[in-house]
N, C-alpha and C. Protein backbone atom coordinates (compact mmCIF):
# COMPACT_ATOMS: atom_id res chain seq x y z
N MET A 1 -1.45 -26.63 11.68
CA MET A 1 -2.21 -26.39 10.54
C MET A 1 -3.46 -27.39 10.81
N ILE A 2 -3.35 -28.35 11.35
CA ILE A 2 -4.52 -29.11 11.77
C ILE A 2 -5.58 -28.69 12.69
N THR A 3 -4.95 -27.81 13.70
CA THR A 3 -5.64 -27.00 14.66
C THR A 3 -6.21 -25.82 13.83
N ASP A 4 -5.85 -25.14 12.84
CA ASP A 4 -6.48 -24.47 12.06
C ASP A 4 -7.71 -24.85 11.09
N ALA A 5 -7.36 -26.09 10.85
CA ALA A 5 -8.43 -26.31 9.88
C ALA A 5 -9.62 -27.09 10.88
N MET A 6 -9.34 -27.35 11.89
CA MET A 6 -10.39 -27.82 12.88
C MET A 6 -11.00 -26.72 13.67
N GLN A 7 -10.46 -25.41 13.81
CA GLN A 7 -11.19 -24.17 14.08
C GLN A 7 -12.17 -23.77 13.02
N MET A 8 -11.59 -23.96 11.81
CA MET A 8 -12.36 -23.56 10.61
C MET A 8 -13.85 -24.44 10.59
N VAL A 9 -13.48 -25.64 10.71
CA VAL A 9 -14.61 -26.52 10.58
C VAL A 9 -15.93 -25.97 12.11
N LEU A 10 -15.26 -25.73 12.89
CA LEU A 10 -16.28 -25.06 13.94
C LEU A 10 -16.51 -23.95 13.83
N ILE A 11 -15.98 -23.00 13.20
CA ILE A 11 -16.41 -21.57 12.91
C ILE A 11 -17.47 -21.88 11.82
N LEU A 12 -17.30 -22.62 10.67
CA LEU A 12 -18.21 -22.92 9.78
C LEU A 12 -19.56 -23.70 10.27
N GLY A 13 -19.35 -24.60 11.25
CA GLY A 13 -20.55 -25.31 11.57
C GLY A 13 -21.50 -24.50 12.59
N CYS A 14 -20.90 -23.70 13.17
CA CYS A 14 -21.70 -22.37 14.16
C CYS A 14 -22.65 -21.63 13.23
N CYS A 15 -21.63 -21.03 11.95
CA CYS A 15 -22.46 -20.28 11.39
C CYS A 15 -23.74 -21.24 10.40
N LEU A 16 -23.34 -22.38 9.98
CA LEU A 16 -24.23 -23.01 9.38
C LEU A 16 -25.48 -23.63 9.95
N LEU A 17 -25.47 -23.24 11.37
CA LEU A 17 -26.40 -23.96 12.32
C LEU A 17 -27.10 -22.47 12.72
N LEU A 18 -26.59 -21.47 13.22
CA LEU A 18 -27.36 -20.19 13.76
C LEU A 18 -27.92 -19.54 12.42
N VAL A 19 -27.47 -19.25 11.48
CA VAL A 19 -28.47 -18.56 10.29
C VAL A 19 -29.56 -19.14 9.85
N PRO A 20 -29.58 -20.43 9.50
CA PRO A 20 -31.03 -21.08 9.14
C PRO A 20 -31.68 -21.23 10.51
N TRP A 21 -31.26 -21.37 11.60
CA TRP A 21 -32.13 -21.31 12.83
C TRP A 21 -32.70 -20.11 12.90
N ALA A 22 -32.15 -19.01 12.88
CA ALA A 22 -32.65 -17.65 13.12
C ALA A 22 -33.54 -17.44 12.05
N LEU A 23 -33.23 -17.76 10.66
CA LEU A 23 -34.48 -17.56 9.68
C LEU A 23 -35.56 -18.33 10.11
N SER A 24 -35.65 -19.57 10.67
CA SER A 24 -36.65 -20.43 10.67
C SER A 24 -37.66 -19.94 12.00
N MET A 25 -37.15 -19.14 12.74
CA MET A 25 -38.01 -18.57 14.07
C MET A 25 -38.86 -17.70 13.41
N PRO A 26 -39.96 -17.27 14.19
CA PRO A 26 -41.10 -16.74 13.73
C PRO A 26 -40.73 -15.29 13.48
N GLY A 27 -41.16 -14.97 11.92
CA GLY A 27 -40.72 -13.51 11.33
C GLY A 27 -39.23 -13.55 11.25
N GLY A 28 -38.39 -14.65 11.12
CA GLY A 28 -37.05 -14.46 10.64
C GLY A 28 -36.89 -13.97 9.24
N TYR A 29 -37.40 -14.59 8.24
CA TYR A 29 -37.54 -13.91 6.83
C TYR A 29 -37.88 -12.29 6.82
N SER A 30 -38.81 -12.03 7.54
CA SER A 30 -39.24 -10.98 7.22
C SER A 30 -38.24 -9.99 8.04
N ALA A 31 -37.77 -10.40 9.22
CA ALA A 31 -36.70 -9.47 9.78
C ALA A 31 -35.31 -9.13 8.88
N LEU A 32 -35.05 -10.25 8.24
CA LEU A 32 -33.97 -10.10 7.46
C LEU A 32 -34.03 -9.21 6.53
N VAL A 33 -35.32 -9.19 5.70
CA VAL A 33 -35.64 -8.25 4.62
C VAL A 33 -35.93 -6.85 5.27
N ASN A 34 -36.56 -6.80 6.36
CA ASN A 34 -36.65 -5.49 7.13
C ASN A 34 -35.38 -4.79 7.46
N GLY A 35 -34.59 -5.68 7.83
CA GLY A 35 -33.14 -5.49 8.17
C GLY A 35 -31.97 -4.78 7.28
N LEU A 36 -32.57 -5.07 6.20
CA LEU A 36 -31.65 -4.70 5.17
C LEU A 36 -31.77 -3.27 4.94
N HIS A 37 -32.75 -2.59 5.50
CA HIS A 37 -33.25 -0.89 5.08
C HIS A 37 -32.44 -0.66 6.64
N GLY A 38 -31.71 -1.28 7.61
CA GLY A 38 -31.22 -0.72 8.68
C GLY A 38 -32.44 -0.57 9.67
N ILE A 39 -31.98 -0.27 10.90
CA ILE A 39 -32.88 -0.88 12.41
C ILE A 39 -33.97 0.41 12.27
N ASN A 40 -33.48 1.61 11.70
CA ASN A 40 -34.73 2.65 11.46
C ASN A 40 -35.30 2.39 10.07
N GLY A 41 -34.80 1.80 9.07
CA GLY A 41 -35.54 1.98 8.15
C GLY A 41 -34.92 2.87 7.06
N ASN A 42 -33.64 3.82 7.42
CA ASN A 42 -33.35 4.81 6.61
C ASN A 42 -32.71 4.41 5.42
N TYR A 43 -32.33 3.27 4.84
CA TYR A 43 -31.36 2.99 3.94
C TYR A 43 -32.13 1.98 3.06
N GLN A 44 -32.92 2.83 2.32
CA GLN A 44 -33.88 2.31 1.26
C GLN A 44 -33.07 1.94 0.15
N SER A 45 -32.06 2.56 -0.29
CA SER A 45 -31.25 2.25 -1.62
C SER A 45 -29.74 2.48 -1.59
N LEU A 46 -29.02 2.05 -2.05
CA LEU A 46 -27.60 2.26 -1.98
C LEU A 46 -27.38 3.84 -2.75
N VAL A 47 -28.39 4.01 -3.61
CA VAL A 47 -27.70 5.29 -4.25
C VAL A 47 -28.41 6.46 -3.74
N SER A 48 -29.31 6.21 -2.80
CA SER A 48 -29.76 7.47 -1.85
C SER A 48 -28.88 8.03 -0.86
N ASP A 49 -28.85 9.52 -0.50
CA ASP A 49 -27.84 10.07 0.22
C ASP A 49 -27.67 9.20 1.70
N SER A 50 -28.37 8.66 2.06
CA SER A 50 -28.13 7.75 3.49
C SER A 50 -27.21 6.65 2.94
N GLY A 51 -27.64 5.95 1.98
CA GLY A 51 -27.09 4.63 1.44
C GLY A 51 -25.57 5.25 0.82
N ILE A 52 -25.48 6.17 0.05
CA ILE A 52 -24.08 6.43 -0.27
C ILE A 52 -23.11 6.97 0.92
N ALA A 53 -23.86 7.84 1.86
CA ALA A 53 -23.01 7.96 2.92
C ALA A 53 -22.53 6.79 3.77
N LEU A 54 -23.39 5.76 3.99
CA LEU A 54 -22.91 4.64 4.68
C LEU A 54 -21.78 3.66 3.57
N PHE A 55 -22.06 3.77 2.49
CA PHE A 55 -21.20 2.86 1.61
C PHE A 55 -19.68 3.78 1.92
N LEU A 56 -19.65 5.16 1.37
CA LEU A 56 -18.47 5.91 1.33
C LEU A 56 -17.96 5.93 2.96
N GLY A 57 -18.77 5.71 3.98
CA GLY A 57 -18.10 5.84 5.52
C GLY A 57 -17.60 4.63 5.75
N PHE A 58 -18.19 3.56 5.34
CA PHE A 58 -18.04 2.38 6.14
C PHE A 58 -17.89 1.02 5.18
N GLY A 59 -18.75 1.01 4.07
CA GLY A 59 -18.49 -0.11 3.29
C GLY A 59 -17.21 0.14 2.44
N LEU A 60 -17.22 1.01 1.64
CA LEU A 60 -15.85 0.92 0.82
C LEU A 60 -14.32 0.95 1.73
N PRO A 61 -14.66 1.85 2.79
CA PRO A 61 -12.95 1.50 3.09
C PRO A 61 -12.90 0.20 3.70
N ALA A 62 -13.99 -0.63 4.35
CA ALA A 62 -13.81 -2.03 4.87
C ALA A 62 -13.47 -2.95 3.61
N ALA A 63 -14.06 -3.03 2.45
CA ALA A 63 -13.94 -3.68 1.44
C ALA A 63 -12.45 -3.59 1.06
N LEU A 64 -12.06 -2.34 0.82
CA LEU A 64 -10.64 -1.92 0.59
C LEU A 64 -9.50 -2.44 1.57
N GLY A 65 -9.89 -2.43 2.73
CA GLY A 65 -9.06 -2.78 3.71
C GLY A 65 -8.59 -4.28 4.07
N LEU A 66 -9.98 -5.16 3.44
CA LEU A 66 -10.19 -6.57 3.61
C LEU A 66 -9.26 -6.97 2.34
N MET A 67 -9.24 -6.21 1.18
CA MET A 67 -8.68 -6.64 -0.01
C MET A 67 -7.31 -6.25 -0.02
N ALA A 68 -6.78 -5.26 0.56
CA ALA A 68 -5.15 -5.06 0.81
C ALA A 68 -4.56 -5.78 1.83
N GLY A 69 -5.42 -6.34 2.78
CA GLY A 69 -4.80 -7.19 3.92
C GLY A 69 -3.74 -8.22 3.45
N PRO A 70 -4.24 -9.14 2.20
CA PRO A 70 -3.14 -10.03 1.91
C PRO A 70 -1.76 -9.81 1.41
N PHE A 71 -1.79 -8.42 0.67
CA PHE A 71 -0.63 -7.62 0.44
C PHE A 71 0.68 -7.49 1.28
N GLY A 72 0.05 -7.26 2.47
CA GLY A 72 0.73 -6.61 3.52
C GLY A 72 1.07 -7.80 4.75
N ASP A 73 0.21 -8.90 4.87
CA ASP A 73 0.31 -9.80 5.60
C ASP A 73 1.39 -11.00 5.36
N GLN A 74 2.39 -11.00 5.95
CA GLN A 74 3.18 -12.07 5.98
C GLN A 74 2.77 -13.65 5.81
N CYS A 75 1.46 -13.86 6.47
CA CYS A 75 1.07 -15.10 6.61
C CYS A 75 0.42 -15.41 5.28
N PHE A 76 0.01 -14.54 4.32
CA PHE A 76 -0.51 -14.99 3.31
C PHE A 76 0.38 -15.21 2.19
N TRP A 77 1.63 -14.50 2.18
CA TRP A 77 2.69 -15.04 1.55
C TRP A 77 3.31 -16.31 1.86
N GLN A 78 3.32 -16.51 2.88
CA GLN A 78 4.04 -17.88 3.40
C GLN A 78 2.80 -18.83 3.01
N ARG A 79 1.36 -18.77 3.00
CA ARG A 79 0.60 -19.69 2.52
C ARG A 79 1.19 -19.95 0.92
N ALA A 80 1.08 -18.70 0.20
CA ALA A 80 1.27 -18.82 -1.14
C ALA A 80 2.32 -19.68 -1.64
N PHE A 81 3.62 -19.31 -0.84
CA PHE A 81 4.78 -20.07 -1.01
C PHE A 81 4.67 -21.54 -0.66
N SER A 82 3.59 -22.04 0.23
CA SER A 82 3.68 -23.55 0.40
C SER A 82 2.78 -24.11 -0.16
N ILE A 83 2.40 -23.63 -1.35
CA ILE A 83 1.29 -24.28 -2.39
C ILE A 83 1.98 -24.60 -3.57
N LYS A 84 1.84 -25.54 -4.31
CA LYS A 84 2.46 -26.05 -5.37
C LYS A 84 2.18 -24.90 -6.42
N GLU A 85 3.15 -24.56 -7.28
CA GLU A 85 2.86 -23.99 -8.11
C GLU A 85 1.69 -24.33 -9.31
N GLY A 86 1.02 -23.43 -9.72
CA GLY A 86 -0.14 -23.50 -10.57
C GLY A 86 -1.37 -23.85 -9.86
N LYS A 87 -1.17 -24.06 -8.55
CA LYS A 87 -2.31 -24.51 -7.51
C LYS A 87 -2.86 -23.13 -7.00
N ILE A 88 -2.09 -22.08 -6.86
CA ILE A 88 -2.29 -21.04 -5.77
C ILE A 88 -3.45 -20.50 -6.23
N ALA A 89 -3.70 -19.96 -7.33
CA ALA A 89 -5.09 -19.29 -7.72
C ALA A 89 -6.20 -20.08 -7.39
N LYS A 90 -6.30 -21.92 -7.43
CA LYS A 90 -7.41 -22.75 -6.75
C LYS A 90 -7.34 -22.52 -5.51
N ALA A 91 -6.31 -22.58 -4.93
CA ALA A 91 -6.15 -22.67 -3.22
C ALA A 91 -6.94 -21.38 -2.67
N PHE A 92 -6.45 -20.19 -3.10
CA PHE A 92 -7.00 -18.84 -2.40
C PHE A 92 -8.43 -18.89 -2.91
N ALA A 93 -8.88 -19.20 -4.26
CA ALA A 93 -10.36 -19.17 -4.75
C ALA A 93 -11.05 -19.70 -3.53
N LEU A 94 -10.61 -21.00 -3.30
CA LEU A 94 -11.39 -21.72 -2.68
C LEU A 94 -11.58 -21.47 -1.12
N GLY A 95 -10.13 -20.94 -0.88
CA GLY A 95 -9.94 -20.39 0.65
C GLY A 95 -11.00 -19.19 0.97
N THR A 96 -11.18 -18.78 -0.32
CA THR A 96 -12.08 -17.16 -0.04
C THR A 96 -13.43 -17.76 -0.16
N GLY A 97 -13.78 -18.54 -0.82
CA GLY A 97 -15.10 -19.00 -0.93
C GLY A 97 -15.74 -19.53 0.40
N VAL A 98 -14.93 -20.60 1.09
CA VAL A 98 -15.05 -20.84 2.32
C VAL A 98 -15.10 -20.19 3.44
N PHE A 99 -14.13 -19.17 3.23
CA PHE A 99 -14.34 -18.12 4.60
C PHE A 99 -15.39 -17.09 4.36
N ALA A 100 -15.60 -16.57 3.31
CA ALA A 100 -16.78 -16.00 2.69
C ALA A 100 -17.96 -16.40 3.38
N ILE A 101 -18.10 -17.41 3.69
CA ILE A 101 -19.85 -17.92 4.73
C ILE A 101 -19.74 -17.36 5.94
N VAL A 102 -18.19 -17.16 6.63
CA VAL A 102 -18.45 -16.52 8.05
C VAL A 102 -18.88 -14.82 8.01
N PRO A 103 -18.08 -14.31 6.87
CA PRO A 103 -18.83 -12.55 7.31
C PRO A 103 -20.16 -12.71 6.81
N LEU A 104 -20.51 -13.25 5.78
CA LEU A 104 -22.12 -13.12 5.40
C LEU A 104 -22.97 -13.98 6.19
N SER A 105 -22.66 -14.86 7.18
CA SER A 105 -23.32 -15.47 8.26
C SER A 105 -23.70 -14.27 9.40
N MET A 106 -22.42 -13.55 9.66
CA MET A 106 -22.49 -12.71 10.71
C MET A 106 -23.42 -11.57 10.23
N GLY A 107 -23.29 -11.33 8.96
CA GLY A 107 -24.06 -10.39 8.43
C GLY A 107 -25.43 -10.44 8.36
N ILE A 108 -25.80 -11.50 8.15
CA ILE A 108 -27.29 -12.01 8.05
C ILE A 108 -27.72 -11.77 9.36
N LEU A 109 -27.27 -12.36 10.33
CA LEU A 109 -27.79 -12.44 11.87
C LEU A 109 -27.53 -10.88 12.25
N GLY A 110 -26.61 -10.09 11.86
CA GLY A 110 -26.79 -8.46 12.12
C GLY A 110 -28.03 -7.83 11.54
N PHE A 111 -28.12 -8.36 10.26
CA PHE A 111 -29.35 -7.96 9.55
C PHE A 111 -31.00 -8.20 10.29
N ILE A 112 -30.81 -9.59 10.95
CA ILE A 112 -32.01 -10.10 11.23
C ILE A 112 -32.22 -9.37 12.61
N ALA A 113 -30.99 -8.96 13.41
CA ALA A 113 -31.09 -8.19 14.43
C ALA A 113 -31.80 -6.82 14.27
N ALA A 114 -31.39 -6.12 13.20
CA ALA A 114 -31.66 -4.60 12.78
C ALA A 114 -33.42 -5.00 12.33
N GLY A 115 -33.92 -5.99 11.82
CA GLY A 115 -34.99 -6.06 11.48
C GLY A 115 -35.89 -6.22 12.67
N TYR A 116 -35.44 -6.87 13.75
CA TYR A 116 -36.33 -7.22 14.79
C TYR A 116 -36.44 -5.78 15.80
N GLY A 117 -35.48 -4.80 15.06
CA GLY A 117 -35.33 -3.47 16.28
C GLY A 117 -34.48 -3.86 17.25
N TYR A 118 -33.54 -4.62 17.22
CA TYR A 118 -32.56 -5.06 18.44
C TYR A 118 -31.37 -3.73 18.28
N SER A 119 -31.34 -3.18 19.71
CA SER A 119 -30.32 -2.36 19.75
C SER A 119 -29.36 -2.88 20.75
N ALA A 120 -28.02 -3.10 20.46
CA ALA A 120 -27.06 -3.61 21.46
C ALA A 120 -26.75 -2.54 22.52
N THR A 121 -26.58 -3.27 23.77
CA THR A 121 -25.76 -2.53 24.98
C THR A 121 -24.60 -2.13 24.38
N ASP A 122 -23.79 -2.86 24.24
CA ASP A 122 -22.33 -2.87 23.73
C ASP A 122 -22.01 -3.15 22.66
N LYS A 123 -21.71 -2.33 21.60
CA LYS A 123 -21.52 -2.20 20.18
C LYS A 123 -20.56 -3.30 19.98
N GLY A 124 -19.48 -3.28 20.75
CA GLY A 124 -18.37 -4.38 20.79
C GLY A 124 -18.76 -5.80 20.70
N ILE A 125 -19.67 -6.10 21.07
CA ILE A 125 -20.17 -7.53 21.41
C ILE A 125 -21.39 -7.71 21.00
N VAL A 126 -22.01 -7.01 20.02
CA VAL A 126 -23.30 -7.15 19.30
C VAL A 126 -23.78 -8.64 19.03
N ASN A 127 -22.85 -9.18 18.44
CA ASN A 127 -23.46 -10.60 17.86
C ASN A 127 -23.63 -11.29 19.09
N TYR A 128 -22.56 -11.22 20.03
CA TYR A 128 -22.71 -12.26 21.21
C TYR A 128 -24.26 -11.78 22.03
N GLU A 129 -24.27 -10.39 22.00
CA GLU A 129 -25.66 -10.04 22.71
C GLU A 129 -26.90 -10.86 22.08
N LEU A 130 -26.83 -10.63 20.77
CA LEU A 130 -27.85 -11.06 19.91
C LEU A 130 -27.98 -12.47 19.94
N VAL A 131 -26.89 -13.28 20.01
CA VAL A 131 -27.17 -14.70 20.05
C VAL A 131 -27.83 -15.27 21.42
N ALA A 132 -27.04 -14.34 22.62
CA ALA A 132 -27.56 -14.78 23.99
C ALA A 132 -29.60 -14.17 23.95
N GLN A 133 -29.53 -13.11 23.24
CA GLN A 133 -31.04 -12.90 23.72
C GLN A 133 -31.90 -13.94 22.50
N LEU A 134 -31.26 -13.96 21.16
CA LEU A 134 -32.33 -14.90 20.24
C LEU A 134 -32.39 -16.29 20.56
N PHE A 135 -31.28 -16.90 20.88
CA PHE A 135 -31.31 -18.43 20.82
C PHE A 135 -31.37 -18.82 22.53
N PRO A 136 -31.41 -19.76 22.60
CA PRO A 136 -31.29 -20.56 24.16
C PRO A 136 -30.06 -20.65 24.58
N GLU A 137 -29.95 -20.07 25.75
CA GLU A 137 -28.83 -20.17 26.51
C GLU A 137 -27.71 -20.91 26.12
N TRP A 138 -27.59 -22.17 25.85
CA TRP A 138 -26.46 -23.13 25.80
C TRP A 138 -25.84 -22.96 24.36
N VAL A 139 -26.60 -22.06 23.42
CA VAL A 139 -26.13 -21.40 22.24
C VAL A 139 -24.80 -20.97 22.40
N THR A 140 -24.73 -19.96 23.42
CA THR A 140 -23.59 -18.83 23.65
C THR A 140 -22.70 -19.53 23.94
N LEU A 141 -22.44 -20.93 24.40
CA LEU A 141 -20.86 -21.55 24.40
C LEU A 141 -20.52 -21.90 23.17
N PRO A 142 -21.18 -22.50 22.23
CA PRO A 142 -20.58 -22.86 20.83
C PRO A 142 -20.09 -21.44 20.20
N PHE A 143 -21.09 -20.69 20.10
CA PHE A 143 -20.82 -19.33 19.59
C PHE A 143 -19.59 -18.52 20.28
N LEU A 144 -19.19 -18.71 21.56
CA LEU A 144 -17.95 -18.22 22.28
C LEU A 144 -16.99 -18.82 21.56
N PHE A 145 -16.87 -20.30 21.44
CA PHE A 145 -16.03 -21.03 20.90
C PHE A 145 -15.53 -20.52 19.56
N MET A 146 -17.07 -20.14 18.72
CA MET A 146 -16.67 -20.15 17.17
C MET A 146 -15.56 -18.71 17.44
N VAL A 147 -15.91 -17.77 18.12
CA VAL A 147 -14.98 -16.37 18.14
C VAL A 147 -13.65 -16.78 18.91
N ILE A 148 -13.35 -17.30 19.85
CA ILE A 148 -12.29 -17.71 20.12
C ILE A 148 -11.36 -18.51 19.08
N SER A 149 -12.11 -19.28 18.37
CA SER A 149 -11.44 -20.28 17.60
C SER A 149 -10.94 -19.19 16.36
N GLY A 150 -11.77 -18.11 16.01
CA GLY A 150 -11.47 -17.21 14.78
C GLY A 150 -10.29 -16.58 15.41
N LEU A 151 -10.14 -15.95 16.56
CA LEU A 151 -9.13 -15.52 17.09
C LEU A 151 -7.75 -16.16 17.11
N LEU A 152 -7.70 -17.55 17.64
CA LEU A 152 -6.78 -18.50 17.70
C LEU A 152 -6.24 -18.94 16.31
N SER A 153 -7.34 -18.85 15.34
CA SER A 153 -6.79 -18.97 13.92
C SER A 153 -5.61 -18.13 13.32
N THR A 154 -5.86 -16.92 13.58
CA THR A 154 -4.90 -15.57 13.65
C THR A 154 -3.62 -16.23 14.11
N ILE A 155 -3.74 -16.78 15.07
CA ILE A 155 -2.48 -17.03 16.09
C ILE A 155 -1.82 -18.34 15.20
N ASP A 156 -2.42 -19.32 14.96
CA ASP A 156 -2.09 -20.37 13.99
C ASP A 156 -1.44 -19.93 12.83
N SER A 157 -2.20 -18.98 12.01
CA SER A 157 -1.51 -18.80 10.90
C SER A 157 -0.28 -18.09 11.06
N ASN A 158 -0.18 -17.25 12.25
CA ASN A 158 1.24 -16.64 12.40
C ASN A 158 2.27 -17.49 12.81
N LEU A 159 2.09 -18.61 13.63
CA LEU A 159 3.02 -19.40 13.81
C LEU A 159 3.47 -20.31 12.85
N CYS A 160 2.34 -20.32 11.82
CA CYS A 160 2.81 -20.88 10.60
C CYS A 160 3.91 -20.37 9.64
N ALA A 161 3.63 -19.16 9.64
CA ALA A 161 4.45 -18.35 8.77
C ALA A 161 5.85 -18.01 9.67
N ALA A 162 5.77 -18.26 10.93
CA ALA A 162 7.25 -18.41 11.63
C ALA A 162 7.81 -19.38 11.52
N ALA A 163 7.27 -20.35 11.78
CA ALA A 163 7.68 -21.92 11.45
C ALA A 163 8.30 -22.12 9.89
N SER A 164 7.68 -21.71 8.98
CA SER A 164 8.00 -21.42 7.61
C SER A 164 9.35 -20.62 7.54
N LEU A 165 9.58 -19.20 8.14
CA LEU A 165 10.73 -18.30 7.94
C LEU A 165 11.93 -19.21 8.85
N VAL A 166 11.74 -19.74 9.96
CA VAL A 166 12.70 -20.38 10.86
C VAL A 166 13.20 -21.75 10.02
N THR A 167 12.05 -22.55 9.06
CA THR A 167 12.70 -23.58 8.30
C THR A 167 13.55 -23.12 7.10
N ASP A 168 13.44 -22.08 6.77
CA ASP A 168 13.93 -21.47 5.73
C ASP A 168 15.47 -21.21 6.24
N ALA A 169 15.62 -20.49 7.35
CA ALA A 169 16.79 -20.07 7.84
C ALA A 169 17.40 -21.07 8.32
N LYS A 170 16.84 -22.23 8.88
CA LYS A 170 17.60 -23.45 9.16
C LYS A 170 18.15 -24.10 7.75
N LYS A 171 17.66 -23.93 7.01
CA LYS A 171 18.22 -24.74 5.70
C LYS A 171 19.30 -23.79 5.18
N LYS A 172 19.36 -22.62 5.16
CA LYS A 172 20.09 -21.79 4.62
C LYS A 172 21.60 -21.74 5.71
N THR A 173 21.43 -22.12 7.04
CA THR A 173 22.44 -22.00 8.08
C THR A 173 23.11 -23.43 7.77
N LEU A 174 22.33 -24.44 7.36
CA LEU A 174 22.84 -25.85 7.00
C LEU A 174 23.80 -25.86 6.05
N LYS A 175 23.27 -25.35 4.85
CA LYS A 175 23.81 -25.35 3.58
C LYS A 175 25.28 -24.33 3.57
N CYS A 176 25.44 -23.49 4.97
CA CYS A 176 26.60 -22.62 5.03
C CYS A 176 27.64 -23.35 5.60
N GLY A 177 27.50 -24.74 5.96
CA GLY A 177 28.28 -25.42 6.73
C GLY A 177 28.15 -25.55 8.24
N ILE A 178 27.23 -24.73 8.72
CA ILE A 178 27.33 -24.94 10.08
C ILE A 178 26.36 -26.56 10.53
N GLN A 179 26.84 -26.77 11.79
CA GLN A 179 26.42 -28.20 12.10
C GLN A 179 24.73 -28.11 12.51
N LYS A 180 24.31 -28.95 12.43
CA LYS A 180 22.75 -29.28 12.70
C LYS A 180 22.51 -28.73 14.22
N ARG A 181 23.26 -28.88 15.06
CA ARG A 181 22.90 -28.67 16.50
C ARG A 181 23.30 -27.21 16.62
N GLN A 182 24.00 -26.52 16.08
CA GLN A 182 24.55 -25.15 16.12
C GLN A 182 23.30 -23.91 15.38
N TRP A 183 22.82 -24.84 14.69
CA TRP A 183 22.21 -23.55 14.00
C TRP A 183 21.18 -22.73 14.81
N GLN A 184 20.79 -22.81 16.04
CA GLN A 184 20.00 -22.14 16.66
C GLN A 184 21.01 -20.59 17.06
N CYS A 185 22.17 -21.07 17.37
CA CYS A 185 23.16 -20.02 17.83
C CYS A 185 23.28 -18.94 16.63
N CYS A 186 23.30 -19.70 15.43
CA CYS A 186 23.67 -18.88 14.47
C CYS A 186 22.59 -18.26 13.40
N PHE A 187 21.30 -18.47 13.77
CA PHE A 187 20.27 -17.95 13.10
C PHE A 187 20.29 -16.71 12.62
N TRP A 188 20.37 -15.75 13.64
CA TRP A 188 20.37 -14.46 13.20
C TRP A 188 21.60 -14.13 12.24
N GLN A 189 22.37 -14.79 12.14
CA GLN A 189 23.67 -14.73 11.00
C GLN A 189 23.45 -14.80 9.94
N VAL A 190 22.31 -15.64 9.51
CA VAL A 190 21.91 -15.84 8.37
C VAL A 190 21.38 -14.50 7.60
N PHE A 191 20.53 -13.40 8.52
CA PHE A 191 19.98 -12.50 8.01
C PHE A 191 21.11 -11.28 8.19
């Protein structure tokens, strides 16, 4: 959990550094405003034909997928059960608010890129390409640490969930009269 928290601090630090820096560059704010309409300026309104097509083709499915994730992901359930009763809603609201900084920041960078007319060579690493082009070369290193931290954070969350399950299984085996040193052998008998 400590490494997960440290990774989140690194991720938030990079986001809070890169976005204001990009906005402070010449034409940063105007690039953001122009980028809201897309790289070609085709998306003038959400209710236009192109706006609705984008919303139905990407926005709505992405939003539904992100909202549905916590219901099927074991990590979220383990987090919920590790929080004291009565504080679950507050903890998840705070976590959501803090994490929202990340996609909003990366989205702002994407809108700035669209406003500058930037077209990525490889769509899979568009943010990296933008950071490498827009900022000094040294900035790519903390940005890559941020990306790796995001990926490792998922692994940390999965390890926390697995540790919680193993702890629960260990408690069940000990309650069944199995000696402490033998619980590993009998772990699967609990299920």
